């Protein structure tokens, strides 16, 4: 496996990573939407706590007569109007309970959102700091792999000409293989951290711009 230094070697600032994550990720919009919905439920419950009175009016004509034609003679003289009120009874306790429930749900939503935001921001900060570490570890892994390979080549040549025994050659071989394994692990950790950071922030730190995906790509 050939080594390569062709990998991004930029620094990631945790503060910048947080700012970009807040701007670019849908989490922030989701947090705001959920909080607004909870606040609206409280406002709706409070709006229903007032005394709701329905007013109605009825108008009619009353007339009695021994003959049908006489019923329609001067009906205005016997008009009747009735006005009434429909007032709900025993609703104050129910309305108060609705407000308390909506308020408790809002408080719970605020607590959950606050914890989710904290967890997300900690993930972003941790990923940013870890990326800088694994980048440095990869540089060390590349250098160690190169040194171990050169040491093995020299040791093998000395073994061929009889300067050292098989034990020394085996030691050099084991060190070379161990250095190669460490390099591969560091390379894997680097690229995993690189793309995880891009996923968390939707930001291209190498080119210093937000990541935009065109439809169909």
C-alpha atoms as a PDB file:
ATOM      1  CA  UNK A   1       0.000   0.000   0.000  1.00  0.00           C
ATOM      2  CA  UNK A   2       1.529   3.276  -1.085  1.00  0.00           C
ATOM      3  CA  UNK A   3       1.640   6.232   1.261  1.00  0.00           C
ATOM      4  CA  UNK A   4       0.345   9.623   0.268  1.00  0.00           C
ATOM      5  CA  UNK A   5       0.543  13.097   1.741  1.00  0.00           C
ATOM      6  CA  UNK A   6      -2.272  14.221  -0.511  1.00  0.00           C
ATOM      7  CA  UNK A   7      -4.851  14.814   2.212  1.00  0.00           C
ATOM      8  CA  UNK A   8      -6.385  18.043   3.601  1.00  0.00           C
ATOM      9  CA  UNK A   9      -4.018  19.613   6.119  1.00  0.00           C
ATOM     10  CA  UNK A  10      -6.072  22.551   7.367  1.00  0.00           C
ATOM     11  CA  UNK A  11      -6.886  23.450  10.961  1.00  0.00           C
ATOM     12  CA  UNK A  12     -10.481  23.397  12.174  1.00  0.00           C
ATOM     13  CA  UNK A  13     -11.575  26.071  14.621  1.00  0.00           C
ATOM     14  CA  UNK A  14     -14.231  24.708  16.985  1.00  0.00           C
ATOM     15  CA  UNK A  15     -15.974  28.089  17.226  1.00  0.00           C
ATOM     16  CA  UNK A  16     -16.273  28.325  13.445  1.00  0.00           C
ATOM     17  CA  UNK A  17     -17.537  24.750  13.298  1.00  0.00           C
ATOM     18  CA  UNK A  18     -20.267  25.579  15.828  1.00  0.00           C
ATOM     19  CA  UNK A  19     -21.298  28.733  13.991  1.00  0.00           C
ATOM     20  CA  UNK A  20     -21.558  26.917  10.672  1.00  0.00           C
ATOM     21  CA  UNK A  21     -23.459  24.013  12.221  1.00  0.00           C
ATOM     22  CA  UNK A  22     -26.010  26.419  13.705  1.00  0.00           C
ATOM     23  CA  UNK A  23     -26.448  28.198  10.369  1.00  0.00           C
ATOM     24  CA  UNK A  24     -26.490  25.246   7.999  1.00  0.00           C
ATOM     25  CA  UNK A  25     -28.117  22.374   9.836  1.00  0.00           C
ATOM     26  CA  UNK A  26     -31.886  21.890  10.025  1.00  0.00           C
ATOM     27  CA  UNK A  27     -31.588  21.180  13.749  1.00  0.00           C
ATOM     28  CA  UNK A  28     -31.753  24.879  14.559  1.00  0.00           C
ATOM     29  CA  UNK A  29     -34.947  25.364  12.548  1.00  0.00           C
ATOM     30  CA  UNK A  30     -36.457  22.273  14.155  1.00  0.00           C
ATOM     31  CA  UNK A  31     -35.657  23.580  17.643  1.00  0.00           C
ATOM     32  CA  UNK A  32     -37.309  26.926  16.877  1.00  0.00           C
ATOM     33  CA  UNK A  33     -40.381  25.304  15.342  1.00  0.00           C
ATOM     34  CA  UNK A  34     -40.957  22.959  18.284  1.00  0.00           C
ATOM     35  CA  UNK A  35     -40.584  25.778  20.794  1.00  0.00           C
ATOM     36  CA  UNK A  36     -42.962  28.028  18.848  1.00  0.00           C
ATOM     37  CA  UNK A  37     -45.565  25.269  18.667  1.00  0.00           C
ATOM     38  CA  UNK A  38     -45.379  24.760  22.439  1.00  0.00           C
ATOM     39  CA  UNK A  39     -45.768  28.494  23.045  1.00  0.00           C
ATOM     40  CA  UNK A  40     -48.764  28.612  20.713  1.00  0.00           C
ATOM     41  CA  UNK A  41     -50.454  25.832  22.668  1.00  0.00           C
ATOM     42  CA  UNK A  42     -50.097  27.857  25.871  1.00  0.00           C
ATOM     43  CA  UNK A  43     -51.500  30.960  24.191  1.00  0.00           C
ATOM     44  CA  UNK A  44     -54.400  28.941  22.787  1.00  0.00           C
ATOM     45  CA  UNK A  45     -55.213  27.469  26.197  1.00  0.00           C
ATOM     46  CA  UNK A  46     -55.106  30.871  27.866  1.00  0.00           C
ATOM     47  CA  UNK A  47     -57.345  32.301  25.169  1.00  0.00           C
ATOM     48  CA  UNK A  48     -60.027  29.790  26.121  1.00  0.00           C
ATOM     49  CA  UNK A  49     -60.097  30.693  29.818  1.00  0.00           C
ATOM     50  CA  UNK A  50     -62.396  33.705  29.479  1.00  0.00           C
ATOM     51  CA  UNK A  51     -66.127  33.587  30.128  1.00  0.00           C
ATOM     52  CA  UNK A  52     -67.803  32.565  26.895  1.00  0.00           C
ATOM     53  CA  UNK A  53     -71.351  33.924  26.754  1.00  0.00           C
ATOM     54  CA  UNK A  54     -73.647  33.229  23.839  1.00  0.00           C
ATOM     55  CA  UNK A  55     -76.459  35.753  23.337  1.00  0.00           C
ATOM     56  CA  UNK A  56     -79.520  34.830  21.352  1.00  0.00           C
ATOM     57  CA  UNK A  57     -82.755  36.631  20.445  1.00  0.00           C
ATOM     58  CA  UNK A  58     -86.059  35.300  19.194  1.00  0.00           C
ATOM     59  CA  UNK A  59     -88.797  37.329  17.545  1.00  0.00           C
ATOM     60  CA  UNK A  60     -92.326  36.151  16.898  1.00  0.00           C
ATOM     61  CA  UNK A  61     -95.929  37.186  16.463  1.00  0.00           C
ATOM     62  CA  UNK A  62     -98.699  35.863  18.715  1.00  0.00           C
ATOM     63  CA  UNK A  63    -102.341  36.091  17.671  1.00  0.00           C
ATOM     64  CA  UNK A  64    -105.452  34.152  18.468  1.00  0.00           C
ATOM     65  CA  UNK A  65    -108.790  34.329  16.732  1.00  0.00           C
ATOM     66  CA  UNK A  66    -111.883  32.229  16.116  1.00  0.00           C
ATOM     67  CA  UNK A  67    -111.457  32.477  12.356  1.00  0.00           C
ATOM     68  CA  UNK A  68    -108.321  32.010  10.306  1.00  0.00           C
ATOM     69  CA  UNK A  69    -108.536  35.351   8.450  1.00  0.00           C
ATOM     70  CA  UNK A  70    -108.661  37.170  11.769  1.00  0.00           C
ATOM     71  CA  UNK A  71    -105.197  35.790  12.676  1.00  0.00           C
ATOM     72  CA  UNK A  72    -103.559  38.175  10.232  1.00  0.00           C
ATOM     73  CA  UNK A  73    -105.366  41.325  11.366  1.00  0.00           C
ATOM     74  CA  UNK A  74    -102.926  43.731  13.091  1.00  0.00           C
ATOM     75  CA  UNK A  75    -100.357  41.044  14.121  1.00  0.00           C
ATOM     76  CA  UNK A  76     -97.906  43.819  15.112  1.00  0.00           C
ATOM     77  CA  UNK A  77    -100.077  44.537  18.124  1.00  0.00           C
ATOM     78  CA  UNK A  78     -99.041  41.214  19.629  1.00  0.00           C
ATOM     79  CA  UNK A  79     -95.294  40.953  18.846  1.00  0.00           C
ATOM     80  CA  UNK A  80     -93.081  38.973  21.178  1.00  0.00           C
ATOM     81  CA  UNK A  81     -89.306  39.254  21.567  1.00  0.00           C
ATOM     82  CA  UNK A  82     -87.211  36.940  23.770  1.00  0.00           C
ATOM     83  CA  UNK A  83     -83.555  37.546  24.549  1.00  0.00           C
ATOM     84  CA  UNK A  84     -81.472  34.924  26.302  1.00  0.00           C
ATOM     85  CA  UNK A  85     -77.917  34.097  27.401  1.00  0.00           C
ATOM     86  CA  UNK A  86     -76.095  30.759  27.304  1.00  0.00           C
ATOM     87  CA  UNK A  87     -73.438  30.779  30.020  1.00  0.00           C
ATOM     88  CA  UNK A  88     -71.285  27.666  30.554  1.00  0.00           C
ATOM     89  CA  UNK A  89     -71.247  26.402  34.114  1.00  0.00           C
ATOM     90  CA  UNK A  90     -68.241  24.890  35.959  1.00  0.00           C
ATOM     91  CA  UNK A  91     -65.625  25.393  33.211  1.00  0.00           C
ATOM     92  CA  UNK A  92     -63.047  27.382  35.179  1.00  0.00           C
ATOM     93  CA  UNK A  93     -61.351  24.325  36.656  1.00  0.00           C
ATOM     94  CA  UNK A  94     -61.128  22.602  33.296  1.00  0.00           C
ATOM     95  CA  UNK A  95     -59.714  25.674  31.575  1.00  0.00           C
ATOM     96  CA  UNK A  96     -57.165  26.166  34.322  1.00  0.00           C
ATOM     97  CA  UNK A  97     -56.057  22.551  33.967  1.00  0.00           C
ATOM     98  CA  UNK A  98     -55.657  23.006  30.208  1.00  0.00           C
ATOM     99  CA  UNK A  99     -53.422  26.038  30.760  1.00  0.00           C
ATOM    100  CA  UNK A 100     -51.354  24.192  33.351  1.00  0.00           C
ATOM    101  CA  UNK A 101     -50.935  21.209  31.034  1.00  0.00           C
ATOM    102  CA  UNK A 102     -49.921  23.381  28.079  1.00  0.00           C
ATOM    103  CA  UNK A 103     -47.472  25.308  30.261  1.00  0.00           C
ATOM    104  CA  UNK A 104     -45.950  22.094  31.616  1.00  0.00           C
ATOM    105  CA  UNK A 105     -45.562  20.758  28.072  1.00  0.00           C
ATOM    106  CA  UNK A 106     -43.882  24.001  27.012  1.00  0.00           C
ATOM    107  CA  UNK A 107     -41.469  23.831  29.953  1.00  0.00           C
ATOM    108  CA  UNK A 108     -40.662  20.211  29.123  1.00  0.00           C
ATOM    109  CA  UNK A 109     -40.136  21.085  25.461  1.00  0.00           C
ATOM    110  CA  UNK A 110     -37.764  23.899  26.428  1.00  0.00           C
ATOM    111  CA  UNK A 111     -35.787  21.533  28.669  1.00  0.00           C
ATOM    112  CA  UNK A 112     -35.573  18.818  26.005  1.00  0.00           C
ATOM    113  CA  UNK A 113     -34.562  21.298  23.300  1.00  0.00           C
ATOM    114  CA  UNK A 114     -31.941  22.847  25.562  1.00  0.00           C
ATOM    115  CA  UNK A 115     -30.415  19.421  26.228  1.00  0.00           C
ATOM    116  CA  UNK A 116     -30.533  18.445  22.548  1.00  0.00           C
ATOM    117  CA  UNK A 117     -28.827  21.704  21.572  1.00  0.00           C
ATOM    118  CA  UNK A 118     -26.155  21.151  24.215  1.00  0.00           C
ATOM    119  CA  UNK A 119     -25.552  17.579  23.062  1.00  0.00           C
ATOM    120  CA  UNK A 120     -25.327  18.630  19.421  1.00  0.00           C
ATOM    121  CA  UNK A 121     -22.941  21.505  20.140  1.00  0.00           C
ATOM    122  CA  UNK A 122     -20.746  19.220  22.249  1.00  0.00           C
ATOM    123  CA  UNK A 123     -20.640  16.718  19.387  1.00  0.00           C
ATOM    124  CA  UNK A 124     -19.578  19.406  16.930  1.00  0.00           C
ATOM    125  CA  UNK A 125     -16.897  20.822  19.259  1.00  0.00           C
ATOM    126  CA  UNK A 126     -15.564  17.360  20.055  1.00  0.00           C
ATOM    127  CA  UNK A 127     -15.459  16.402  16.390  1.00  0.00           C
ATOM    128  CA  UNK A 128     -13.625  19.619  15.478  1.00  0.00           C
ATOM    129  CA  UNK A 129     -10.992  19.107  18.165  1.00  0.00           C
ATOM    130  CA  UNK A 130     -10.605  15.412  17.365  1.00  0.00           C
ATOM    131  CA  UNK A 131     -10.123  16.185  13.691  1.00  0.00           C
ATOM    132  CA  UNK A 132      -7.046  18.272  14.443  1.00  0.00           C
ATOM    133  CA  UNK A 133      -5.668  15.427  16.561  1.00  0.00           C
ATOM    134  CA  UNK A 134      -6.237  12.670  14.004  1.00  0.00           C
ATOM    135  CA  UNK A 135      -4.718  14.880  11.300  1.00  0.00           C
ATOM    136  CA  UNK A 136      -1.545  15.167  13.395  1.00  0.00           C
ATOM    137  CA  UNK A 137      -1.648  11.438  14.122  1.00  0.00           C
ATOM    138  CA  UNK A 138      -1.870  10.712  10.414  1.00  0.00           C
ATOM    139  CA  UNK A 139       1.218  12.842   9.746  1.00  0.00           C
ATOM    140  CA  UNK A 140       3.065  10.899  12.442  1.00  0.00           C
ATOM    141  CA  UNK A 141       1.769   7.606  11.034  1.00  0.00           C
ATOM    142  CA  UNK A 142       3.032   8.445   7.552  1.00  0.00           C
ATOM    143  CA  UNK A 143       6.464   9.370   8.874  1.00  0.00           C
ATOM    144  CA  UNK A 144       6.681   6.289  11.093  1.00  0.00           C
ATOM    145  CA  UNK A 145       5.682   4.044   8.214  1.00  0.00           C
ATOM    146  CA  UNK A 146       8.383   5.539   5.996  1.00  0.00           C
ATOM    147  CA  UNK A 147      11.050   5.098   8.681  1.00  0.00           C
ATOM    148  CA  UNK A 148      10.001   1.511   9.433  1.00  0.00           C
ATOM    149  CA  UNK A 149      10.082   0.628   5.743  1.00  0.00           C
ATOM    150  CA  UNK A 150      13.570   2.080   5.303  1.00  0.00           C
ATOM    151  CA  UNK A 151      14.803   0.297   8.429  1.00  0.00           C
ATOM    152  CA  UNK A 152      13.449  -2.986   7.131  1.00  0.00           C
ATOM    153  CA  UNK A 153      15.081  -2.488   3.720  1.00  0.00           C
ATOM    154  CA  UNK A 154      18.439  -1.789   5.339  1.00  0.00           C
ATOM    155  CA  UNK A 155      18.069  -4.738   7.711  1.00  0.00           C
ATOM    156  CA  UNK A 156      17.152  -7.080   4.869  1.00  0.00           C
ATOM    157  CA  UNK A 157      20.198  -6.001   2.857  1.00  0.00           C
ATOM    158  CA  UNK A 158      22.444  -6.584   5.848  1.00  0.00           C
ATOM    159  CA  UNK A 159      20.874 -10.002   6.360  1.00  0.00           C
ATOM    160  CA  UNK A 160      21.529 -10.907   2.716  1.00  0.00           C
ATOM    161  CA  UNK A 161      25.231 -10.138   3.066  1.00  0.00           C
ATOM    162  CA  UNK A 162      25.407 -11.980   6.382  1.00  0.00           C
ATOM    163  CA  UNK A 163      25.901  -9.003   8.693  1.00  0.00           C
ATOM    164  CA  UNK A 164      22.897  -9.879  10.917  1.00  0.00           C
ATOM    165  CA  UNK A 165      20.853 -12.941  11.762  1.00  0.00           C
ATOM    166  CA  UNK A 166      17.256 -13.944  11.091  1.00  0.00           C
ATOM    167  CA  UNK A 167      16.121 -12.686  14.489  1.00  0.00           C
ATOM    168  CA  UNK A 168      17.036  -9.096  13.681  1.00  0.00           C
ATOM    169  CA  UNK A 169      15.344  -9.410  10.314  1.00  0.00           C
ATOM    170  CA  UNK A 170      12.136 -10.686  11.910  1.00  0.00           C
ATOM    171  CA  UNK A 171      12.146  -7.817  14.406  1.00  0.00           C
ATOM    172  CA  UNK A 172      12.489  -5.287  11.606  1.00  0.00           C
ATOM    173  CA  UNK A 173       9.694  -7.016   9.692  1.00  0.00           C
ATOM    174  CA  UNK A 174       7.370  -6.921  12.695  1.00  0.00           C
ATOM    175  CA  UNK A 175       8.107  -3.231  13.254  1.00  0.00           C
ATOM    176  CA  UNK A 176       7.416  -2.516   9.597  1.00  0.00           C
ATOM    177  CA  UNK A 177       4.090  -4.356   9.700  1.00  0.00           C
ATOM    178  CA  UNK A 178       3.078  -2.637  12.942  1.00  0.00           C
ATOM    179  CA  UNK A 179       3.910   0.781  11.511  1.00  0.00           C
ATOM    180  CA  UNK A 180       1.873  -0.035   8.403  1.00  0.00           C
ATOM    181  CA  UNK A 181      -1.125  -1.054  10.508  1.00  0.00           C
ATOM    182  CA  UNK A 182      -0.874   2.128  12.572  1.00  0.00           C
ATOM    183  CA  UNK A 183      -0.703   4.191   9.397  1.00  0.00           C
ATOM    184  CA  UNK A 184      -3.792   2.519   7.906  1.00  0.00           C
ATOM    185  CA  UNK A 185      -5.716   3.025  11.163  1.00  0.00           C
ATOM    186  CA  UNK A 186      -4.701   6.698  11.279  1.00  0.00           C
ATOM    187  CA  UNK A 187      -5.708   7.166   7.646  1.00  0.00           C
ATOM    188  CA  UNK A 188      -9.109   5.613   8.299  1.00  0.00           C
ATOM    189  CA  UNK A 189      -9.655   7.761  11.401  1.00  0.00           C
ATOM    190  CA  UNK A 190      -8.710  10.882   9.476  1.00  0.00           C
ATOM    191  CA  UNK A 191     -11.168  10.406   6.629  1.00  0.00           C
ATOM    192  CA  UNK A 192     -13.908   9.272   8.975  1.00  0.00           C
ATOM    193  CA  UNK A 193     -13.406  12.419  11.056  1.00  0.00           C
ATOM    194  CA  UNK A 194     -13.180  14.564   7.934  1.00  0.00           C
ATOM    195  CA  UNK A 195     -16.543  13.517   6.522  1.00  0.00           C
ATOM    196  CA  UNK A 196     -18.240  13.372   9.921  1.00  0.00           C
ATOM    197  CA  UNK A 197     -17.245  16.989  10.497  1.00  0.00           C
ATOM    198  CA  UNK A 198     -18.649  17.961   7.105  1.00  0.00           C
ATOM    199  CA  UNK A 199     -21.867  16.125   7.938  1.00  0.00           C
ATOM    200  CA  UNK A 200     -22.228  17.866  11.310  1.00  0.00           C
ATOM    201  CA  UNK A 201     -21.581  21.356   9.936  1.00  0.00           C
ATOM    202  CA  UNK A 202     -22.468  21.159   6.225  1.00  0.00           C
ATOM    203  CA  UNK A 203     -19.358  23.265   5.735  1.00  0.00           C
ATOM    204  CA  UNK A 204     -16.310  22.742   3.519  1.00  0.00           C
ATOM    205  CA  UNK A 205     -13.399  23.790   5.744  1.00  0.00           C
ATOM    206  CA  UNK A 206     -10.860  23.174   3.012  1.00  0.00           C
ATOM    207  CA  UNK A 207     -12.486  25.622   0.579  1.00  0.00           C
ATOM    208  CA  UNK A 208     -14.065  27.780   3.295  1.00  0.00           C
ATOM    209  CA  UNK A 209     -17.624  27.649   2.019  1.00  0.00           C
ATOM    210  CA  UNK A 210     -20.954  25.988   2.873  1.00  0.00           C
ATOM    211  CA  UNK A 211     -21.644  22.669   1.215  1.00  0.00           C
ATOM    212  CA  UNK A 212     -24.354  22.894  -1.414  1.00  0.00           C
ATOM    213  CA  UNK A 213     -25.750  19.787  -3.058  1.00  0.00           C
ATOM    214  CA  UNK A 214     -27.486  20.299  -6.385  1.00  0.00           C
ATOM    215  CA  UNK A 215     -30.668  18.257  -6.988  1.00  0.00           C
ATOM    216  CA  UNK A 216     -29.888  14.959  -8.655  1.00  0.00           C
ATOM    217  CA  UNK A 217     -26.271  14.874  -7.429  1.00  0.00           C
END
